[in-house]
């Protein structure tokens, strides 16, 4: 297998996401962008401990940031460069809410809905866009969250 690129600082990689022709690497304490030409460059994405990353392929990068205990899902706009907390609460099957604690997977479907896999909540959550509601795939419960602009 040929080398496509290398992380900016040589840290371990916990996730990969393409946006356009660029590849974004979630590393131990940063997010690096590898350009279409294979050059690694630092990004404006300031996650402290990214555990998962996904892109809608065009405008947005979503990063699960788990610095110590609770996880925030950070949303970064690629043009212009913007950042906000997109989600940070999950719904357990009994309907109680808990902060995300260790998001281990993110996915975006063709309708631009974000899906969040969290080890602590032990369930898959879906966040509807643009409605902004977090849905439990097991219970159908909908919990609306206000987003915090940073």
N, C-alpha and C. Protein backbone atom coordinates (compact mmCIF):
# COMPACT_ATOMS: atom_id res chain seq x y z
N UNK A 1 0.84 -1.15 0.00
CA UNK A 1 0.00 0.00 0.00
C UNK A 1 0.90 1.23 0.00
N UNK A 2 0.62 2.19 -0.86
CA UNK A 2 1.40 3.42 -0.97
C UNK A 2 1.02 4.40 0.13
N UNK A 3 1.97 5.21 0.55
CA UNK A 3 1.71 6.25 1.54
C UNK A 3 1.05 7.43 0.85
N UNK A 4 -0.10 7.84 1.36
CA UNK A 4 -0.83 8.98 0.80
C UNK A 4 -0.35 10.27 1.44
N UNK A 5 -0.12 10.21 2.73
CA UNK A 5 0.32 11.38 3.48
C UNK A 5 0.69 10.95 4.87
N UNK A 6 1.05 11.90 5.69
CA UNK A 6 1.50 11.61 7.04
C UNK A 6 0.92 12.67 7.95
N UNK A 7 0.63 12.30 9.20
CA UNK A 7 0.07 13.28 10.13
C UNK A 7 1.07 14.41 10.34
N UNK A 8 0.55 15.57 10.72
CA UNK A 8 1.37 16.76 10.87
C UNK A 8 2.40 16.60 11.97
N UNK A 9 2.01 15.95 13.09
CA UNK A 9 2.91 15.86 14.23
C UNK A 9 3.26 14.43 14.63
N UNK A 10 2.86 13.44 13.84
CA UNK A 10 3.22 12.06 14.11
C UNK A 10 2.43 11.38 15.20
N UNK A 11 1.35 11.98 15.67
CA UNK A 11 0.53 11.38 16.73
C UNK A 11 -0.34 10.28 16.16
N UNK A 12 -0.87 9.43 17.04
CA UNK A 12 -1.77 8.37 16.62
C UNK A 12 -3.06 8.92 16.03
N UNK A 13 -3.66 8.19 15.11
CA UNK A 13 -4.85 8.65 14.40
C UNK A 13 -6.06 7.84 14.88
N UNK A 14 -7.15 8.55 15.28
CA UNK A 14 -8.36 7.88 15.76
C UNK A 14 -9.51 7.94 14.76
N UNK A 15 -9.37 8.69 13.67
CA UNK A 15 -10.44 8.76 12.69
C UNK A 15 -10.01 9.50 11.44
N UNK A 16 -10.73 9.26 10.34
CA UNK A 16 -10.45 9.88 9.04
C UNK A 16 -11.75 10.38 8.43
N UNK A 17 -11.70 11.51 7.73
CA UNK A 17 -12.88 12.02 7.03
C UNK A 17 -12.44 12.83 5.82
N UNK A 18 -13.09 12.60 4.69
CA UNK A 18 -12.83 13.40 3.49
C UNK A 18 -13.81 14.55 3.42
N UNK A 19 -13.32 15.71 3.01
CA UNK A 19 -14.15 16.87 2.68
C UNK A 19 -13.57 17.41 1.38
N UNK A 20 -14.31 17.26 0.30
CA UNK A 20 -13.77 17.60 -1.00
C UNK A 20 -12.61 16.67 -1.31
N UNK A 21 -11.48 17.23 -1.73
CA UNK A 21 -10.30 16.40 -2.02
C UNK A 21 -9.33 16.34 -0.86
N UNK A 22 -9.69 16.92 0.29
CA UNK A 22 -8.82 16.92 1.46
C UNK A 22 -9.22 15.83 2.44
N UNK A 23 -8.22 15.23 3.08
CA UNK A 23 -8.43 14.21 4.09
C UNK A 23 -8.13 14.82 5.45
N UNK A 24 -9.06 14.68 6.40
CA UNK A 24 -8.88 15.18 7.76
C UNK A 24 -8.59 14.01 8.67
N UNK A 25 -7.56 14.15 9.52
CA UNK A 25 -7.14 13.11 10.46
C UNK A 25 -7.44 13.57 11.88
N UNK A 26 -8.22 12.79 12.63
CA UNK A 26 -8.40 13.05 14.06
C UNK A 26 -7.23 12.38 14.76
N UNK A 27 -6.36 13.19 15.37
CA UNK A 27 -5.18 12.66 16.06
C UNK A 27 -5.40 12.74 17.56
N UNK A 28 -4.41 12.36 18.33
CA UNK A 28 -4.54 12.33 19.79
C UNK A 28 -4.88 13.69 20.39
N UNK A 29 -4.39 14.78 19.83
CA UNK A 29 -4.65 16.09 20.41
C UNK A 29 -4.82 17.18 19.35
N UNK A 30 -5.20 16.79 18.16
CA UNK A 30 -5.33 17.79 17.09
C UNK A 30 -6.07 17.16 15.91
N UNK A 31 -6.41 18.01 14.96
CA UNK A 31 -6.94 17.55 13.68
C UNK A 31 -6.03 18.11 12.60
N UNK A 32 -5.54 17.23 11.73
CA UNK A 32 -4.64 17.61 10.65
C UNK A 32 -5.37 17.44 9.32
N UNK A 33 -5.07 18.31 8.37
CA UNK A 33 -5.63 18.20 7.02
C UNK A 33 -4.52 17.80 6.07
N UNK A 34 -4.77 16.76 5.28
CA UNK A 34 -3.84 16.38 4.21
C UNK A 34 -4.49 16.83 2.91
N UNK A 35 -3.83 17.74 2.23
CA UNK A 35 -4.38 18.31 1.01
C UNK A 35 -4.36 17.28 -0.12
N UNK A 36 -5.07 17.60 -1.19
CA UNK A 36 -5.10 16.72 -2.35
C UNK A 36 -3.72 16.42 -2.89
N UNK A 37 -2.75 17.30 -2.63
CA UNK A 37 -1.38 17.08 -3.07
C UNK A 37 -0.55 16.24 -2.12
N UNK A 38 -1.13 15.81 -0.99
CA UNK A 38 -0.42 14.96 -0.04
C UNK A 38 0.32 15.71 1.05
N UNK A 39 0.14 17.03 1.14
CA UNK A 39 0.82 17.82 2.17
C UNK A 39 0.00 17.87 3.45
N UNK A 40 0.63 17.63 4.59
CA UNK A 40 -0.04 17.71 5.89
C UNK A 40 0.07 19.13 6.42
N UNK A 41 -1.07 19.71 6.80
CA UNK A 41 -1.08 21.08 7.33
C UNK A 41 -1.96 21.12 8.57
N UNK A 42 -1.60 21.95 9.56
CA UNK A 42 -2.47 22.09 10.73
C UNK A 42 -3.78 22.77 10.31
N UNK A 43 -4.84 22.56 11.09
CA UNK A 43 -6.14 23.16 10.79
C UNK A 43 -6.53 24.12 11.89
N UNK A 44 -7.61 24.86 11.65
CA UNK A 44 -8.18 25.73 12.66
C UNK A 44 -9.02 24.93 13.66
N UNK A 45 -9.18 23.63 13.43
CA UNK A 45 -9.97 22.78 14.31
C UNK A 45 -9.18 22.54 15.59
N UNK A 46 -9.71 23.04 16.72
CA UNK A 46 -8.96 23.05 17.97
C UNK A 46 -9.46 22.03 18.98
N UNK A 47 -9.82 20.85 18.55
CA UNK A 47 -10.26 19.80 19.46
C UNK A 47 -9.08 19.36 20.34
N UNK A 48 -9.36 19.12 21.62
CA UNK A 48 -8.30 18.74 22.56
C UNK A 48 -7.97 17.25 22.50
N UNK A 49 -8.99 16.41 22.31
CA UNK A 49 -8.78 14.96 22.28
C UNK A 49 -9.83 14.32 21.37
N UNK A 50 -9.68 14.47 20.06
CA UNK A 50 -10.69 13.93 19.15
C UNK A 50 -10.71 12.40 19.15
N UNK A 51 -11.92 11.84 19.29
CA UNK A 51 -12.08 10.39 19.29
C UNK A 51 -12.80 9.88 18.04
N UNK A 52 -13.45 10.77 17.30
CA UNK A 52 -14.13 10.39 16.06
C UNK A 52 -14.27 11.64 15.19
N UNK A 53 -14.36 11.43 13.89
CA UNK A 53 -14.49 12.55 12.95
C UNK A 53 -15.30 12.07 11.75
N UNK A 54 -16.12 12.97 11.19
CA UNK A 54 -16.88 12.67 9.98
C UNK A 54 -17.14 13.99 9.26
N UNK A 55 -17.38 13.90 7.97
CA UNK A 55 -17.69 15.08 7.17
C UNK A 55 -18.94 14.80 6.36
N UNK A 56 -19.68 15.87 6.04
CA UNK A 56 -20.79 15.71 5.10
C UNK A 56 -20.27 15.71 3.67
N UNK A 57 -18.95 15.85 3.51
CA UNK A 57 -18.31 15.80 2.21
C UNK A 57 -18.20 17.13 1.51
N UNK A 58 -18.88 18.14 2.05
CA UNK A 58 -18.91 19.44 1.37
C UNK A 58 -18.58 20.60 2.30
N UNK A 59 -19.45 20.83 3.30
CA UNK A 59 -19.37 22.05 4.11
C UNK A 59 -18.94 21.86 5.56
N UNK A 60 -19.20 20.70 6.13
CA UNK A 60 -19.06 20.52 7.58
C UNK A 60 -18.14 19.36 7.94
N UNK A 61 -17.38 19.57 9.01
CA UNK A 61 -16.61 18.51 9.68
C UNK A 61 -17.18 18.42 11.10
N UNK A 62 -17.50 17.21 11.54
CA UNK A 62 -17.96 16.98 12.91
C UNK A 62 -16.87 16.20 13.63
N UNK A 63 -16.52 16.66 14.84
CA UNK A 63 -15.46 16.03 15.63
C UNK A 63 -16.01 15.73 17.02
N UNK A 64 -15.85 14.49 17.48
CA UNK A 64 -16.16 14.14 18.86
C UNK A 64 -14.92 14.46 19.68
N UNK A 65 -15.05 15.41 20.60
CA UNK A 65 -13.91 15.86 21.42
C UNK A 65 -14.13 15.38 22.85
N UNK A 66 -13.23 14.50 23.34
CA UNK A 66 -13.35 13.92 24.67
C UNK A 66 -12.08 14.20 25.45
N UNK A 67 -11.91 15.44 25.97
CA UNK A 67 -10.65 15.76 26.65
C UNK A 67 -10.43 15.00 27.95
N UNK A 68 -11.47 14.85 28.80
CA UNK A 68 -11.30 14.11 30.05
C UNK A 68 -12.48 13.17 30.26
N UNK A 69 -13.68 13.70 30.43
CA UNK A 69 -14.82 12.84 30.73
C UNK A 69 -15.93 13.00 29.69
N UNK A 70 -16.55 14.15 29.63
CA UNK A 70 -17.69 14.35 28.75
C UNK A 70 -17.25 14.70 27.34
N UNK A 71 -18.05 14.28 26.37
CA UNK A 71 -17.74 14.51 24.97
C UNK A 71 -18.65 15.58 24.40
N UNK A 72 -18.08 16.52 23.68
CA UNK A 72 -18.85 17.46 22.87
C UNK A 72 -18.68 17.07 21.42
N UNK A 73 -19.78 17.14 20.65
CA UNK A 73 -19.69 17.00 19.21
C UNK A 73 -19.52 18.41 18.67
N UNK A 74 -18.36 18.70 18.13
CA UNK A 74 -18.05 20.02 17.60
C UNK A 74 -18.32 20.03 16.11
N UNK A 75 -18.90 21.12 15.63
CA UNK A 75 -19.19 21.26 14.20
C UNK A 75 -18.36 22.42 13.67
N UNK A 76 -17.63 22.14 12.60
CA UNK A 76 -16.76 23.13 11.97
C UNK A 76 -17.23 23.37 10.55
N UNK A 77 -17.49 24.64 10.23
CA UNK A 77 -17.81 25.02 8.86
C UNK A 77 -16.51 25.26 8.11
N UNK A 78 -16.40 24.70 6.93
CA UNK A 78 -15.15 24.82 6.17
C UNK A 78 -15.06 26.12 5.41
N UNK A 79 -16.18 26.72 5.08
CA UNK A 79 -16.15 28.00 4.36
C UNK A 79 -17.41 28.78 4.70
N UNK A 80 -17.36 29.78 5.53
CA UNK A 80 -16.19 30.29 6.23
C UNK A 80 -15.86 29.41 7.44
N UNK A 81 -14.69 29.63 8.03
CA UNK A 81 -14.27 28.86 9.20
C UNK A 81 -15.13 29.25 10.40
N UNK A 82 -16.02 28.35 10.83
CA UNK A 82 -16.87 28.58 11.99
C UNK A 82 -16.81 27.36 12.88
N UNK A 83 -17.20 27.53 14.15
CA UNK A 83 -17.17 26.43 15.11
C UNK A 83 -18.30 26.60 16.10
N UNK A 84 -18.98 25.51 16.44
CA UNK A 84 -19.94 25.52 17.52
C UNK A 84 -20.04 24.13 18.14
N UNK A 85 -20.65 24.08 19.34
CA UNK A 85 -20.94 22.79 19.96
C UNK A 85 -22.26 22.33 19.36
N UNK A 86 -22.24 21.21 18.68
CA UNK A 86 -23.41 20.72 17.95
C UNK A 86 -24.29 19.83 18.83
N UNK A 87 -23.69 19.02 19.70
CA UNK A 87 -24.44 18.14 20.59
C UNK A 87 -23.53 17.71 21.73
N UNK A 88 -24.14 17.40 22.89
CA UNK A 88 -23.35 16.87 24.00
C UNK A 88 -24.17 16.01 24.97
N UNK A 89 -25.43 15.73 24.63
CA UNK A 89 -26.32 14.94 25.49
C UNK A 89 -26.88 13.77 24.70
N UNK A 90 -26.91 12.59 25.32
CA UNK A 90 -27.54 11.42 24.72
C UNK A 90 -28.76 11.02 25.53
N UNK A 91 -29.63 10.22 24.94
CA UNK A 91 -30.85 9.75 25.59
C UNK A 91 -30.74 8.24 25.77
N UNK A 92 -30.84 7.78 27.01
CA UNK A 92 -30.81 6.35 27.29
C UNK A 92 -32.14 5.71 26.90
N UNK A 93 -32.19 4.39 26.74
CA UNK A 93 -33.43 3.73 26.34
C UNK A 93 -34.62 4.01 27.27
N UNK A 94 -34.36 4.31 28.57
CA UNK A 94 -35.47 4.61 29.48
C UNK A 94 -35.91 6.07 29.40
N UNK A 95 -35.28 6.86 28.52
CA UNK A 95 -35.69 8.25 28.32
C UNK A 95 -34.89 9.26 29.11
N UNK A 96 -34.05 8.82 30.05
CA UNK A 96 -33.23 9.77 30.79
C UNK A 96 -32.10 10.27 29.89
N UNK A 97 -31.65 11.47 30.19
CA UNK A 97 -30.56 12.06 29.40
C UNK A 97 -29.26 11.95 30.17
N UNK A 98 -28.19 11.74 29.44
CA UNK A 98 -26.84 11.66 30.01
C UNK A 98 -25.89 12.36 29.06
N UNK A 99 -24.86 13.00 29.60
CA UNK A 99 -23.85 13.58 28.71
C UNK A 99 -23.15 12.47 27.93
N UNK A 100 -22.79 12.76 26.69
CA UNK A 100 -21.94 11.82 25.96
C UNK A 100 -20.64 11.70 26.74
N UNK A 101 -20.13 10.47 26.89
CA UNK A 101 -18.90 10.28 27.65
C UNK A 101 -17.75 9.79 26.79
N UNK A 102 -18.03 8.93 25.84
CA UNK A 102 -16.96 8.52 24.94
C UNK A 102 -17.57 8.15 23.59
N UNK A 103 -17.62 9.13 22.72
CA UNK A 103 -18.15 8.89 21.38
C UNK A 103 -17.08 8.16 20.59
N UNK A 104 -17.44 6.98 20.11
CA UNK A 104 -16.48 6.16 19.39
C UNK A 104 -16.75 6.10 17.89
N UNK A 105 -17.86 6.70 17.46
CA UNK A 105 -18.16 6.70 16.04
C UNK A 105 -19.13 7.79 15.64
N UNK A 106 -18.93 8.36 14.48
CA UNK A 106 -19.83 9.36 13.89
C UNK A 106 -20.08 8.96 12.44
N UNK A 107 -21.30 9.24 11.96
CA UNK A 107 -21.62 8.98 10.56
C UNK A 107 -22.64 10.02 10.10
N UNK A 108 -22.61 10.36 8.82
CA UNK A 108 -23.58 11.26 8.21
C UNK A 108 -24.23 10.51 7.06
N UNK A 109 -25.59 10.55 7.01
CA UNK A 109 -26.28 9.87 5.92
C UNK A 109 -26.52 10.82 4.75
N UNK A 110 -27.17 10.33 3.71
CA UNK A 110 -27.38 11.12 2.49
C UNK A 110 -28.34 12.28 2.70
N UNK A 111 -29.09 12.30 3.80
CA UNK A 111 -29.99 13.41 4.12
C UNK A 111 -29.33 14.39 5.08
N UNK A 112 -28.03 14.24 5.32
CA UNK A 112 -27.23 15.10 6.20
C UNK A 112 -27.60 14.96 7.67
N UNK A 113 -28.18 13.81 8.08
CA UNK A 113 -28.41 13.53 9.49
C UNK A 113 -27.12 12.97 10.08
N UNK A 114 -26.80 13.43 11.29
CA UNK A 114 -25.60 12.97 11.99
C UNK A 114 -25.98 11.85 12.94
N UNK A 115 -25.24 10.75 12.92
CA UNK A 115 -25.45 9.63 13.83
C UNK A 115 -24.25 9.53 14.76
N UNK A 116 -24.54 9.30 16.06
CA UNK A 116 -23.53 9.34 17.10
C UNK A 116 -23.54 8.02 17.85
N UNK A 117 -22.41 7.33 17.88
CA UNK A 117 -22.27 6.11 18.67
C UNK A 117 -21.49 6.42 19.93
N UNK A 118 -22.10 6.20 21.11
CA UNK A 118 -21.48 6.54 22.38
C UNK A 118 -21.40 5.30 23.25
N UNK A 119 -20.22 4.99 23.76
CA UNK A 119 -20.04 3.80 24.58
C UNK A 119 -20.82 3.88 25.89
N UNK A 120 -20.86 5.07 26.52
CA UNK A 120 -21.52 5.21 27.81
C UNK A 120 -23.03 5.09 27.68
N UNK A 121 -23.61 5.74 26.68
CA UNK A 121 -25.06 5.67 26.49
C UNK A 121 -25.47 4.34 25.89
N UNK A 122 -24.52 3.59 25.35
CA UNK A 122 -24.75 2.26 24.79
C UNK A 122 -25.90 2.25 23.79
N UNK A 123 -25.90 3.23 22.91
CA UNK A 123 -26.97 3.34 21.95
C UNK A 123 -26.51 4.21 20.80
N UNK A 124 -27.22 4.12 19.70
CA UNK A 124 -26.96 4.97 18.55
C UNK A 124 -27.95 6.10 18.57
N UNK A 125 -27.48 7.31 18.43
CA UNK A 125 -28.33 8.49 18.40
C UNK A 125 -28.28 9.09 17.02
N UNK A 126 -29.36 9.74 16.65
CA UNK A 126 -29.38 10.46 15.38
C UNK A 126 -29.75 11.90 15.61
N UNK A 127 -29.08 12.81 14.95
CA UNK A 127 -29.40 14.23 15.08
C UNK A 127 -29.90 14.70 13.73
N UNK A 128 -31.19 15.10 13.69
CA UNK A 128 -31.79 15.56 12.45
C UNK A 128 -31.28 16.94 12.10
N UNK A 129 -30.95 17.13 10.84
CA UNK A 129 -30.59 18.46 10.36
C UNK A 129 -31.64 18.86 9.35
N UNK A 130 -32.15 20.07 9.35
CA UNK A 130 -31.77 21.17 10.23
C UNK A 130 -32.57 21.24 11.52
N UNK A 131 -33.48 20.30 11.79
CA UNK A 131 -34.36 20.39 12.95
C UNK A 131 -33.60 20.45 14.27
N UNK A 132 -32.46 19.77 14.37
CA UNK A 132 -31.64 19.86 15.57
C UNK A 132 -32.15 19.03 16.73
N UNK A 133 -32.81 17.92 16.48
CA UNK A 133 -33.31 17.06 17.56
C UNK A 133 -32.47 15.79 17.61
N UNK A 134 -32.16 15.34 18.82
CA UNK A 134 -31.44 14.07 18.98
C UNK A 134 -32.48 12.98 19.20
N UNK A 135 -32.43 11.96 18.37
CA UNK A 135 -33.38 10.86 18.39
C UNK A 135 -32.70 9.59 18.82
N UNK A 136 -33.38 8.81 19.65
CA UNK A 136 -32.89 7.48 19.96
C UNK A 136 -33.38 6.52 18.90
N UNK A 137 -32.48 5.74 18.32
CA UNK A 137 -32.88 4.77 17.31
C UNK A 137 -33.64 3.60 17.95
N UNK A 138 -33.50 3.42 19.27
CA UNK A 138 -34.20 2.33 19.95
C UNK A 138 -35.61 2.71 20.40
N UNK A 139 -35.77 3.93 20.92
CA UNK A 139 -37.02 4.30 21.56
C UNK A 139 -37.86 5.28 20.75
N UNK A 140 -37.26 6.00 19.81
CA UNK A 140 -37.99 7.01 19.07
C UNK A 140 -38.17 8.30 19.84
N UNK A 141 -37.63 8.38 21.06
CA UNK A 141 -37.75 9.59 21.86
C UNK A 141 -36.97 10.72 21.21
N UNK A 142 -37.56 11.90 21.21
CA UNK A 142 -36.90 13.06 20.63
C UNK A 142 -36.58 14.04 21.74
N UNK A 143 -35.35 14.45 21.83
CA UNK A 143 -34.92 15.47 22.78
C UNK A 143 -34.28 16.60 21.99
N UNK A 144 -34.78 17.80 22.16
CA UNK A 144 -34.23 18.95 21.44
C UNK A 144 -33.16 19.60 22.29
N UNK A 145 -32.06 19.96 21.68
CA UNK A 145 -30.96 20.61 22.39
C UNK A 145 -30.69 21.96 21.75
N UNK A 146 -30.44 22.93 22.59
CA UNK A 146 -29.97 24.21 22.09
C UNK A 146 -28.48 24.09 21.82
N UNK A 147 -28.04 24.70 20.78
CA UNK A 147 -26.63 24.64 20.42
C UNK A 147 -25.92 25.86 20.98
N UNK A 148 -24.74 25.67 21.50
CA UNK A 148 -23.96 26.75 22.06
C UNK A 148 -22.98 27.26 21.02
N UNK A 149 -23.12 28.53 20.68
CA UNK A 149 -22.18 29.13 19.73
C UNK A 149 -20.90 29.48 20.46
N UNK A 150 -19.78 29.13 19.88
CA UNK A 150 -18.48 29.43 20.51
C UNK A 150 -17.83 30.58 19.77
